[in-house]
Amino acid sequence: MRSGAGNRERFYAAEQAVFAHYRVEARHRFVRVPASGVRLRLVEIGDGAPILLLHGFSRGAAHWAPLITRLTDRRLIAIDMPGHGASDSVN
């Protein structure tokens, strides 16, 4: 995602619209990868045994919204891979 407050706001608004469409209540947080210093965003949904969701090329956490609605008994952790969604890019 390109830097800038306006781009971030549009990104989050679009993502929130997708989650709202599927009635998904997501929370997010950032973690830093110690070896590289890259900051990754994690989107978490639900409780229970965790499942890690890794998206493919040019995707983000909202890509998983249709699947998320079917795994209601799990804690889902979707990572915005480096350079995607709200995660830092790798330099």
C-alpha atoms as a PDB file:
ATOM      1  CA  MET A   1       0.000   0.000   0.000  1.00  0.00           C
ATOM      2  CA  ARG A   2       1.356   3.413  -0.847  1.00  0.00           C
ATOM      3  CA  SER A   3       2.094   5.616   2.094  1.00  0.00           C
ATOM      4  CA  GLY A   4      -0.026   8.592   3.022  1.00  0.00           C
ATOM      5  CA  ALA A   5      -2.928   9.114   5.365  1.00  0.00           C
ATOM      6  CA  GLY A   6      -5.481   9.400   2.540  1.00  0.00           C
ATOM      7  CA  ASN A   7      -4.471   6.084   1.002  1.00  0.00           C
ATOM      8  CA  ARG A   8      -4.526   4.357   4.386  1.00  0.00           C
ATOM      9  CA  GLU A   9      -7.994   5.713   5.127  1.00  0.00           C
ATOM     10  CA  ARG A  10      -9.322   4.530   1.747  1.00  0.00           C
ATOM     11  CA  PHE A  11      -7.726   1.123   2.205  1.00  0.00           C
ATOM     12  CA  TYR A  12      -9.219   0.639   5.666  1.00  0.00           C
ATOM     13  CA  ALA A  13     -12.631   1.894   4.510  1.00  0.00           C
ATOM     14  CA  ALA A  14     -12.679  -0.545   1.585  1.00  0.00           C
ATOM     15  CA  GLU A  15     -11.563  -3.421   3.783  1.00  0.00           C
ATOM     16  CA  GLN A  16     -14.158  -2.553   6.418  1.00  0.00           C
ATOM     17  CA  ALA A  17     -16.871  -2.514   3.735  1.00  0.00           C
ATOM     18  CA  VAL A  18     -15.922  -6.063   2.705  1.00  0.00           C
ATOM     19  CA  PHE A  19     -15.923  -7.285   6.302  1.00  0.00           C
ATOM     20  CA  ALA A  20     -19.255  -5.531   6.972  1.00  0.00           C
ATOM     21  CA  HIS A  21     -20.785  -7.172   3.893  1.00  0.00           C
ATOM     22  CA  TYR A  22     -19.910 -10.595   5.313  1.00  0.00           C
ATOM     23  CA  ARG A  23     -20.768  -9.541   8.896  1.00  0.00           C
ATOM     24  CA  VAL A  24     -17.214 -10.189  10.056  1.00  0.00           C
ATOM     25  CA  GLU A  25     -15.952  -8.412  13.168  1.00  0.00           C
ATOM     26  CA  ALA A  26     -12.205  -8.163  12.778  1.00  0.00           C
ATOM     27  CA  ARG A  27      -9.544  -6.634  14.981  1.00  0.00           C
ATOM     28  CA  HIS A  28      -6.045  -5.869  13.836  1.00  0.00           C
ATOM     29  CA  ARG A  29      -2.623  -5.284  15.272  1.00  0.00           C
ATOM     30  CA  PHE A  30       0.908  -4.920  14.019  1.00  0.00           C
ATOM     31  CA  VAL A  31       3.969  -7.049  14.785  1.00  0.00           C
ATOM     32  CA  ARG A  32       7.561  -6.310  13.844  1.00  0.00           C
ATOM     33  CA  VAL A  33       9.785  -9.026  12.365  1.00  0.00           C
ATOM     34  CA  PRO A  34      13.004  -8.689  14.412  1.00  0.00           C
ATOM     35  CA  ALA A  35      15.404  -9.864  11.689  1.00  0.00           C
ATOM     36  CA  SER A  36      14.239  -7.337   9.085  1.00  0.00           C
ATOM     37  CA  GLY A  37      12.375  -4.671  11.041  1.00  0.00           C
ATOM     38  CA  VAL A  38       9.402  -5.066   8.683  1.00  0.00           C
ATOM     39  CA  ARG A  39       6.053  -4.349  10.328  1.00  0.00           C
ATOM     40  CA  LEU A  40       3.302  -6.836   9.441  1.00  0.00           C
ATOM     41  CA  ARG A  41      -0.389  -6.357  10.099  1.00  0.00           C
ATOM     42  CA  LEU A  42      -2.379  -9.232  11.569  1.00  0.00           C
ATOM     43  CA  VAL A  43      -6.151  -9.339  11.302  1.00  0.00           C
ATOM     44  CA  GLU A  44      -7.787 -11.538  13.919  1.00  0.00           C
ATOM     45  CA  ILE A  45     -11.301 -12.908  14.010  1.00  0.00           C
ATOM     46  CA  GLY A  46     -12.987 -15.115  16.582  1.00  0.00           C
ATOM     47  CA  ASP A  47     -11.741 -17.326  19.377  1.00  0.00           C
ATOM     48  CA  GLY A  48     -10.747 -20.945  19.673  1.00  0.00           C
ATOM     49  CA  ALA A  49      -7.993 -22.990  18.094  1.00  0.00           C
ATOM     50  CA  PRO A  50      -5.978 -20.751  15.746  1.00  0.00           C
ATOM     51  CA  ILE A  51      -5.720 -21.060  11.981  1.00  0.00           C
ATOM     52  CA  LEU A  52      -3.178 -18.938  10.110  1.00  0.00           C
ATOM     53  CA  LEU A  53      -4.359 -17.540   6.757  1.00  0.00           C
ATOM     54  CA  LEU A  54      -1.698 -16.525   4.209  1.00  0.00           C
ATOM     55  CA  HIS A  55      -2.901 -14.801   1.053  1.00  0.00           C
ATOM     56  CA  GLY A  56      -1.456 -15.126  -2.427  1.00  0.00           C
ATOM     57  CA  PHE A  57      -0.112 -12.455  -4.746  1.00  0.00           C
ATOM     58  CA  SER A  58      -1.848  -9.046  -4.629  1.00  0.00           C
ATOM     59  CA  ARG A  59      -4.307  -9.975  -1.932  1.00  0.00           C
ATOM     60  CA  GLY A  60      -4.927  -8.945   1.650  1.00  0.00           C
ATOM     61  CA  ALA A  61      -6.796 -10.060   4.749  1.00  0.00           C
ATOM     62  CA  ALA A  62     -10.235  -9.095   3.374  1.00  0.00           C
ATOM     63  CA  HIS A  63      -9.746 -11.752   0.680  1.00  0.00           C
ATOM     64  CA  TRP A  64     -10.598 -14.332   3.340  1.00  0.00           C
ATOM     65  CA  ALA A  65     -13.996 -12.836   4.328  1.00  0.00           C
ATOM     66  CA  PRO A  66     -16.163 -15.510   2.601  1.00  0.00           C
ATOM     67  CA  LEU A  67     -14.185 -18.334   4.248  1.00  0.00           C
ATOM     68  CA  ILE A  68     -14.158 -16.601   7.630  1.00  0.00           C
ATOM     69  CA  THR A  69     -17.951 -16.875   7.831  1.00  0.00           C
ATOM     70  CA  ARG A  70     -17.646 -20.676   7.675  1.00  0.00           C
ATOM     71  CA  LEU A  71     -15.026 -21.083  10.410  1.00  0.00           C
ATOM     72  CA  THR A  72     -16.878 -19.528  13.330  1.00  0.00           C
ATOM     73  CA  ASP A  73     -15.463 -21.895  15.960  1.00  0.00           C
ATOM     74  CA  ARG A  74     -11.844 -20.922  15.296  1.00  0.00           C
ATOM     75  CA  ARG A  75      -9.506 -18.013  15.899  1.00  0.00           C
ATOM     76  CA  LEU A  76      -8.414 -16.887  12.452  1.00  0.00           C
ATOM     77  CA  ILE A  77      -5.227 -14.894  11.976  1.00  0.00           C
ATOM     78  CA  ALA A  78      -4.806 -13.370   8.517  1.00  0.00           C
ATOM     79  CA  ILE A  79      -1.474 -11.767   7.749  1.00  0.00           C
ATOM     80  CA  ASP A  80      -1.032  -8.940   5.262  1.00  0.00           C
ATOM     81  CA  MET A  81       2.156 -10.198   3.637  1.00  0.00           C
ATOM     82  CA  PRO A  82       5.021  -7.687   3.172  1.00  0.00           C
ATOM     83  CA  GLY A  83       4.110  -5.027   0.633  1.00  0.00           C
ATOM     84  CA  HIS A  84       0.387  -5.911   0.727  1.00  0.00           C
ATOM     85  CA  GLY A  85      -2.556  -4.540   2.661  1.00  0.00           C
ATOM     86  CA  ALA A  86      -1.315  -2.436   5.577  1.00  0.00           C
ATOM     87  CA  SER A  87       2.023  -4.216   6.052  1.00  0.00           C
ATOM     88  CA  ASP A  88       5.363  -2.562   5.302  1.00  0.00           C
ATOM     89  CA  SER A  89       7.127  -3.321   2.047  1.00  0.00           C
ATOM     90  CA  VAL A  90      10.447  -5.037   1.999  1.00  0.00           C
ATOM     91  CA  ASN A  91      13.236  -2.737   0.876  1.00  0.00           C
END
